[in-house]
Amino acid sequence: MSHKDYKFLVIDTNSHDAIVLNSYKSIEDFLDANCNHKLSHNTIRQRLLDNKYFCFEDVIIKKLIWE
């Protein structure tokens, strides 16, 4: 795998765990499994286009930038 396959850093601020995901759908699945509310992958995409990161409940999602 190329380093560019790692696209999003997801940090759980309660447990201080961090994972790296590679799609909006994988972020959606992670949030569905770990949060009380849901976000669609389209909403996740839009929030990351508006900013390079966002917070949702106790999770921080950051888009990784590769040049």
Protein backbone atom coordinates (compact mmCIF):
# COMPACT_ATOMS: atom_id res chain seq x y z
CA MET A 1 0.00 0.00 0.00
CA SER A 2 1.10 3.51 -0.76
CA HIS A 3 1.26 6.12 1.97
CA LYS A 4 -1.45 7.98 0.03
CA ASP A 5 -3.90 5.16 0.79
CA TYR A 6 -4.03 6.45 4.38
CA LYS A 7 -6.48 9.32 4.09
CA PHE A 8 -8.17 10.02 7.43
CA LEU A 9 -7.03 10.07 11.04
CA VAL A 10 -9.79 9.30 13.56
CA ILE A 11 -9.11 10.03 17.25
CA ASP A 12 -11.34 8.89 20.12
CA THR A 13 -10.85 11.57 22.77
CA ASN A 14 -12.20 9.35 25.57
CA SER A 15 -9.84 6.41 25.10
CA HIS A 16 -7.07 8.37 23.30
CA ASP A 17 -7.08 5.68 20.61
CA ALA A 18 -6.40 6.65 17.03
CA ILE A 19 -6.97 4.79 13.79
CA VAL A 20 -6.33 5.57 10.15
CA LEU A 21 -9.12 4.95 7.64
CA ASN A 22 -9.20 5.20 3.87
CA SER A 23 -12.77 6.14 2.89
CA TYR A 24 -15.78 8.18 3.91
CA LYS A 25 -17.76 4.95 4.15
CA SER A 26 -15.26 3.45 6.60
CA ILE A 27 -15.57 6.60 8.74
CA GLU A 28 -19.37 6.26 8.62
CA ASP A 29 -19.11 2.61 9.73
CA PHE A 30 -16.74 3.54 12.57
CA LEU A 31 -19.08 6.29 13.81
CA ASP A 32 -22.11 3.98 13.60
CA ALA A 33 -20.31 1.44 15.79
CA ASN A 34 -18.85 3.90 18.31
CA CYS A 35 -21.17 6.92 18.58
CA ASN A 36 -24.74 7.52 19.72
CA HIS A 37 -25.74 9.38 16.56
CA LYS A 38 -25.15 8.70 12.89
CA LEU A 39 -23.67 10.68 10.02
CA SER A 40 -23.91 9.72 6.37
CA HIS A 41 -20.73 9.44 4.33
CA ASN A 42 -21.98 12.41 2.26
CA THR A 43 -22.22 14.57 5.39
CA ILE A 44 -18.76 13.44 6.46
CA ARG A 45 -17.38 14.33 3.03
CA GLN A 46 -18.98 17.79 3.11
CA ARG A 47 -17.68 18.55 6.60
CA LEU A 48 -14.16 17.58 5.54
CA LEU A 49 -14.41 19.70 2.38
CA ASP A 50 -15.49 22.72 4.43
CA ASN A 51 -12.65 22.19 6.92
CA LYS A 52 -9.81 19.72 7.01
CA TYR A 53 -11.17 18.24 10.26
CA PHE A 54 -14.29 18.14 12.43
CA CYS A 55 -15.43 16.91 15.82
CA PHE A 56 -18.41 14.62 16.30
CA GLU A 57 -19.40 13.58 19.81
CA ASP A 58 -16.09 12.38 21.34
CA VAL A 59 -14.32 11.79 18.02
CA ILE A 60 -12.02 14.02 15.98
CA ILE A 61 -11.76 13.27 12.26
CA LYS A 62 -8.85 14.80 10.33
CA LYS A 63 -8.15 14.55 6.63
CA LEU A 64 -4.52 13.68 5.98
CA ILE A 65 -2.83 15.78 3.31
CA TRP A 66 -0.20 14.20 1.09
CA GLU A 67 1.76 16.16 -1.48
